[in-house]
Protein backbone atom coordinates (compact mmCIF):
# COMPACT_ATOMS: atom_id res chain seq x y z
CA UNK A 1 3.98 17.33 -5.62
CA UNK A 2 1.44 15.06 -7.34
CA UNK A 3 -0.70 16.81 -9.76
CA UNK A 4 -4.56 16.22 -9.60
CA UNK A 5 -6.02 15.39 -12.89
CA UNK A 6 -9.86 14.74 -12.83
CA UNK A 7 -9.50 12.83 -16.04
CA UNK A 8 -7.00 10.49 -14.64
CA UNK A 9 -8.92 10.00 -11.29
CA UNK A 10 -12.01 9.10 -13.32
CA UNK A 11 -10.08 6.70 -15.32
CA UNK A 12 -8.45 5.03 -12.58
CA UNK A 13 -11.71 4.54 -10.81
CA UNK A 14 -13.47 3.18 -13.82
CA UNK A 15 -10.64 0.54 -14.23
CA UNK A 16 -10.76 -0.33 -10.53
CA UNK A 17 -14.71 -0.91 -10.70
CA UNK A 18 -14.32 -3.04 -13.86
CA UNK A 19 -11.70 -5.08 -12.24
CA UNK A 20 -13.78 -5.68 -9.28
CA UNK A 21 -16.77 -6.58 -11.55
CA UNK A 22 -14.58 -9.05 -13.61
CA UNK A 23 -13.65 -10.72 -10.28
CA UNK A 24 -16.97 -10.76 -8.45
CA UNK A 25 -19.23 -11.51 -11.53
CA UNK A 26 -18.14 -15.56 -11.50
CA UNK A 27 -18.56 -15.44 -7.98
CA UNK A 28 -22.14 -13.89 -8.38
CA UNK A 29 -23.21 -16.42 -10.97
CA UNK A 30 -22.03 -19.18 -8.75
CA UNK A 31 -23.95 -18.00 -5.77
CA UNK A 32 -26.85 -17.54 -8.11
CA UNK A 33 -26.50 -21.14 -9.34
CA UNK A 34 -26.08 -22.43 -5.80
CA UNK A 35 -29.91 -20.84 -4.97
CA UNK A 36 -31.46 -22.77 -8.03
CA UNK A 37 -32.72 -26.22 -8.76
CA UNK A 38 -30.35 -28.08 -11.50
CA UNK A 39 -33.14 -27.68 -13.86
CA UNK A 40 -32.92 -23.94 -13.64
CA UNK A 41 -29.20 -23.96 -13.92
CA UNK A 42 -29.49 -25.69 -17.31
CA UNK A 43 -31.86 -23.24 -18.81
CA UNK A 44 -30.61 -21.20 -21.51
CA UNK A 45 -29.84 -18.32 -20.73
CA UNK A 46 -29.50 -19.11 -16.98
CA UNK A 47 -31.14 -16.49 -14.98
CA UNK A 48 -29.29 -13.91 -12.72
CA UNK A 49 -31.76 -13.86 -10.10
CA UNK A 50 -31.24 -15.72 -7.03
CA UNK A 51 -33.61 -18.62 -6.31
CA UNK A 52 -34.74 -20.16 -2.95
CA UNK A 53 -32.80 -23.47 -2.88
CA UNK A 54 -29.55 -22.03 -1.33
CA UNK A 55 -30.04 -23.72 2.27
CA UNK A 56 -31.61 -26.85 0.94
CA UNK A 57 -28.46 -27.40 -1.47
CA UNK A 58 -25.99 -26.65 1.33
CA UNK A 59 -27.52 -28.92 3.81
CA UNK A 60 -27.96 -31.67 1.19
CA UNK A 61 -23.99 -31.63 0.63
CA UNK A 62 -23.35 -30.78 4.21
CA UNK A 63 -24.92 -34.31 5.17
CA UNK A 64 -24.77 -36.43 2.19
CA UNK A 65 -21.09 -35.42 0.84
CA UNK A 66 -20.22 -34.96 -2.91
CA UNK A 67 -21.35 -38.31 -4.47
CA UNK A 68 -22.25 -42.15 -3.99
CA UNK A 69 -19.83 -43.60 -1.21
CA UNK A 70 -18.75 -40.06 -0.08
CA UNK A 71 -18.01 -38.69 3.31
CA UNK A 72 -20.16 -36.02 4.41
CA UNK A 73 -18.75 -32.48 3.37
CA UNK A 74 -18.50 -31.15 7.04
CA UNK A 75 -16.02 -34.10 7.30
CA UNK A 76 -14.11 -32.90 4.35
CA UNK A 77 -14.02 -29.20 5.54
CA UNK A 78 -12.65 -30.60 9.02
CA UNK A 79 -10.05 -32.46 6.83
CA UNK A 80 -9.13 -29.29 5.09
CA UNK A 81 -8.97 -27.18 8.29
CA UNK A 82 -6.66 -29.68 10.18
CA UNK A 83 -4.42 -29.82 6.85
CA UNK A 84 -4.45 -26.15 6.34
CA UNK A 85 -3.73 -25.33 9.98
CA UNK A 86 -1.36 -27.96 10.36
CA UNK A 87 0.74 -26.98 7.25
CA UNK A 88 0.41 -23.39 8.52
CA UNK A 89 1.76 -24.11 11.98
CA UNK A 90 4.60 -26.25 10.93
CA UNK A 91 5.48 -24.34 7.89
CA UNK A 92 5.83 -20.91 10.06
CA UNK A 93 7.67 -23.04 12.66
CA UNK A 94 10.35 -24.61 10.51
CA UNK A 95 10.94 -21.34 8.51
CA UNK A 96 11.43 -19.10 11.59
CA UNK A 97 13.57 -21.34 13.12
CA UNK A 98 15.84 -21.84 9.87
CA UNK A 99 16.01 -18.34 9.26
CA UNK A 100 17.04 -17.67 13.00
CA UNK A 101 19.84 -20.37 12.82
CA UNK A 102 20.93 -19.04 9.31
CA UNK A 103 21.28 -15.41 10.60
CA UNK A 104 22.38 -15.41 14.08
CA UNK A 105 24.49 -18.82 14.36
CA UNK A 106 27.94 -18.70 12.88
CA UNK A 107 28.56 -21.86 11.26
CA UNK A 108 30.40 -22.95 8.19
CA UNK A 109 28.78 -22.82 4.88
CA UNK A 110 25.45 -21.37 6.30
CA UNK A 111 25.11 -19.10 3.31
CA UNK A 112 25.46 -21.91 1.09
CA UNK A 113 22.73 -23.89 3.14
CA UNK A 114 20.38 -20.84 2.59
CA UNK A 115 20.97 -20.60 -1.21
CA UNK A 116 20.26 -24.42 -1.26
CA UNK A 117 16.99 -23.93 0.51
CA UNK A 118 16.27 -20.90 -1.85
CA UNK A 119 17.05 -22.67 -5.08
CA UNK A 120 14.24 -25.13 -4.68
CA UNK A 121 12.04 -22.02 -5.56
CA UNK A 122 13.19 -22.57 -9.19
CA UNK A 123 11.90 -26.20 -9.57
CA UNK A 124 8.54 -26.44 -10.61
CA UNK A 125 5.93 -28.33 -8.30
CA UNK A 126 5.48 -31.13 -10.96
CA UNK A 127 9.08 -32.02 -10.87
CA UNK A 128 9.21 -32.58 -7.08
CA UNK A 129 5.70 -34.02 -6.65
CA UNK A 130 6.05 -37.66 -7.61
CA UNK A 131 9.46 -38.16 -5.93
CA UNK A 132 7.57 -36.82 -2.81
CA UNK A 133 4.67 -39.30 -3.31
CA UNK A 134 7.06 -42.11 -3.52
CA UNK A 135 9.04 -41.05 -0.15
CA UNK A 136 5.69 -40.79 1.55
CA UNK A 137 4.54 -44.27 -0.09
CA UNK A 138 7.84 -45.85 1.29
CA UNK A 139 7.50 -44.48 4.74
CA UNK A 140 3.89 -45.66 4.77
CA UNK A 141 2.28 -42.24 5.44
CA UNK A 142 -0.55 -42.70 2.73
CA UNK A 143 -4.01 -42.18 3.73
CA UNK A 144 -2.88 -40.12 6.83
CA UNK A 145 -2.92 -36.79 7.94
CA UNK A 146 1.06 -36.98 8.36
CA UNK A 147 1.02 -37.59 4.43
CA UNK A 148 -1.23 -34.70 3.77
CA UNK A 149 0.88 -32.01 5.76
CA UNK A 150 4.44 -32.95 6.38
CA UNK A 151 5.91 -32.60 2.87
CA UNK A 152 4.09 -29.06 2.70
CA UNK A 153 5.67 -27.79 5.86
CA UNK A 154 8.92 -26.91 4.33
CA UNK A 155 9.01 -23.36 2.58
CA UNK A 156 11.81 -21.58 0.64
CA UNK A 157 9.77 -18.49 0.45
CA UNK A 158 8.75 -17.90 4.20
CA UNK A 159 12.46 -18.87 5.04
CA UNK A 160 13.76 -16.21 2.79
CA UNK A 161 11.12 -13.58 4.32
CA UNK A 162 12.05 -14.31 7.56
CA UNK A 163 15.63 -13.95 6.97
CA UNK A 164 15.42 -10.49 5.27
CA UNK A 165 13.43 -9.53 8.32
CA UNK A 166 15.92 -10.73 10.88
CA UNK A 167 18.73 -9.27 8.86
CA UNK A 168 16.95 -5.90 9.67
CA UNK A 169 17.64 -6.45 13.66
CA UNK A 170 20.57 -4.79 14.97
CA UNK A 171 23.25 -6.59 16.50
CA UNK A 172 22.99 -4.54 19.56
CA UNK A 173 19.90 -6.79 20.54
CA UNK A 174 22.23 -9.91 20.37
CA UNK A 175 24.96 -8.29 22.52
CA UNK A 176 22.34 -7.14 24.95
CA UNK A 177 21.19 -10.60 25.30
CA UNK A 178 24.39 -12.15 25.73
CA UNK A 179 25.51 -9.67 28.40
CA UNK A 180 22.01 -10.55 30.05
CA UNK A 181 23.07 -14.19 29.92
CA UNK A 182 19.98 -15.06 27.48
CA UNK A 183 20.41 -18.32 25.69
CA UNK A 184 19.51 -18.42 22.13
CA UNK A 185 15.97 -19.92 22.35
CA UNK A 186 15.42 -17.35 25.08
CA UNK A 187 16.48 -14.47 22.65
CA UNK A 188 14.13 -15.79 20.08
CA UNK A 189 11.33 -16.16 22.12
CA UNK A 190 11.63 -12.97 24.48
CA UNK A 191 12.80 -10.72 21.52
CA UNK A 192 12.65 -12.21 17.89
CA UNK A 193 9.12 -13.49 18.12
CA UNK A 194 7.47 -10.52 19.55
CA UNK A 195 9.06 -8.30 16.84
CA UNK A 196 7.83 -10.72 14.05
CA UNK A 197 4.15 -10.55 14.95
CA UNK A 198 3.14 -8.47 11.86
CA UNK A 199 5.22 -10.90 9.51
CA UNK A 200 3.61 -13.97 11.22
CA UNK A 201 0.22 -12.50 10.78
CA UNK A 202 0.81 -12.04 6.89
CA UNK A 203 2.28 -15.48 6.43
CA UNK A 204 -0.41 -17.12 8.42
CA UNK A 205 -3.06 -16.13 6.41
CA UNK A 206 -1.30 -16.55 2.96
CA UNK A 207 -0.09 -20.11 4.06
CA UNK A 208 -3.54 -21.05 5.56
CA UNK A 209 -5.13 -20.18 2.20
CA UNK A 210 -2.24 -22.11 0.46
CA UNK A 211 -3.01 -25.30 2.44
CA UNK A 212 -6.50 -24.75 2.09
CA UNK A 213 -6.71 -24.66 -1.58
CA UNK A 214 -4.51 -27.80 -2.19
CA UNK A 215 -5.83 -29.93 -4.75
CA UNK A 216 -3.26 -32.09 -6.62
CA UNK A 217 -1.60 -33.48 -3.24
CA UNK A 218 -4.63 -34.77 -1.52
CA UNK A 219 -5.80 -36.39 -4.81
CA UNK A 220 -2.51 -38.43 -5.04
CA UNK A 221 -2.12 -39.13 -1.32
CA UNK A 222 -5.63 -39.84 0.01
CA UNK A 223 -7.73 -42.84 -1.17
CA UNK A 224 -9.85 -43.21 1.88
CA UNK A 225 -13.01 -41.08 1.64
CA UNK A 226 -12.85 -40.17 5.17
CA UNK A 227 -9.58 -38.36 4.86
CA UNK A 228 -10.65 -36.38 1.67
CA UNK A 229 -10.43 -32.66 1.43
CA UNK A 230 -12.92 -30.26 0.61
CA UNK A 231 -11.42 -28.77 -2.50
CA UNK A 232 -10.48 -32.13 -3.81
CA UNK A 233 -13.69 -33.61 -2.92
CA UNK A 234 -15.37 -31.28 -5.17
CA UNK A 235 -14.07 -32.72 -8.10
CA UNK A 236 -15.78 -36.07 -7.47
CA UNK A 237 -19.10 -33.92 -8.24
CA UNK A 238 -18.22 -33.65 -11.78
CA UNK A 239 -19.81 -36.23 -13.84
CA UNK A 240 -17.92 -38.22 -16.37
CA UNK A 241 -19.46 -40.01 -19.41
CA UNK A 242 -23.50 -39.93 -19.32
CA UNK A 243 -23.96 -38.64 -15.99
CA UNK A 244 -25.20 -35.48 -15.11
CA UNK A 245 -23.61 -33.02 -13.04
CA UNK A 246 -25.69 -31.44 -10.25
CA UNK A 247 -24.24 -27.93 -10.80
CA UNK A 248 -26.40 -26.29 -8.26
CA UNK A 249 -24.86 -28.67 -5.42
CA UNK A 250 -21.33 -28.29 -6.94
CA UNK A 251 -21.56 -24.44 -6.57
CA UNK A 252 -22.92 -24.91 -3.18
CA UNK A 253 -19.95 -26.88 -2.09
CA UNK A 254 -17.83 -24.27 -3.82
CA UNK A 255 -19.38 -21.66 -1.50
CA UNK A 256 -18.94 -23.65 1.57
CA UNK A 257 -15.33 -23.83 0.84
CA UNK A 258 -14.88 -20.19 0.52
CA UNK A 259 -16.30 -19.45 4.38
CA UNK A 260 -13.11 -20.75 6.50
CA UNK A 261 -10.55 -18.65 4.09
CA UNK A 262 -12.80 -15.67 4.13
CA UNK A 263 -13.29 -16.01 7.96
CA UNK A 264 -9.40 -16.00 8.27
CA UNK A 265 -8.82 -13.21 6.12
CA UNK A 266 -11.31 -11.04 7.96
CA UNK A 267 -10.45 -11.73 11.36
CA UNK A 268 -6.69 -10.79 10.53
CA UNK A 269 -6.86 -8.17 7.91
CA UNK A 270 -5.36 -5.54 9.86
CA UNK A 271 -2.42 -7.66 10.81
CA UNK A 272 -2.15 -9.01 7.52
CA UNK A 273 -2.10 -5.74 5.68
CA UNK A 274 0.70 -4.50 8.30
CA UNK A 275 2.59 -7.50 7.98
CA UNK A 276 2.53 -6.90 4.15
CA UNK A 277 3.43 -3.36 4.43
CA UNK A 278 6.30 -4.02 6.98
CA UNK A 279 7.74 -6.85 4.84
CA UNK A 280 8.31 -4.16 1.94
CA UNK A 281 10.25 -1.77 4.22
């Protein structure tokens, strides 16, 4: 029995509201800055009342890009979407098939192979990124979608999560499939895949946001402005030296980059939450 304490309830709600305000206030400031001209942004203190320049700032960025000799921002958004979607589909496919092979196929050293995959989680990204860049350069995949996406498709985390879920499926399913003469891939397609829908939805959302927010990797791989991504492209808007940063346009670009992940989360919200809950059972 949970004791209902009014004071504890009020305190919990107050902390929740405070946390929401801490998270949303910077986003609100960015939104306000995107609605102003650059002169108003530099006023001290900056107003917290939205202006009227939002659509104008977004239109300018959308058409003209983030700086001199820059691709249009819509092209950067398209590149980011291609990158995020390709990474998501590739990562889920590779991870599911890897976990399926480790759980359902009996071959020597299969657990060793799994732990070799899992141990890569202990390696910081900074340790792996420069050798990976060298490999991509040797394969002549710089300035290409393949170079942007292929190295990020392998995931020890997703493989581990699918393995844990597959291990909860009863062996009777396998025996029934064998009796019916189903091949391993038919068993995967007709039984395992439908049972994994909620997990797929959760990983799809997480992986898409992961791919969309990639910053360092595109900076190292891409030099062609027509292949630049939105998140990495915003860096080009920050002036260095004696230049002046157009912060109203920076914030407008930032708001544009928020739109696709928000749409994905809202569209898949129920399946995403259900997948997270099922993965904890």
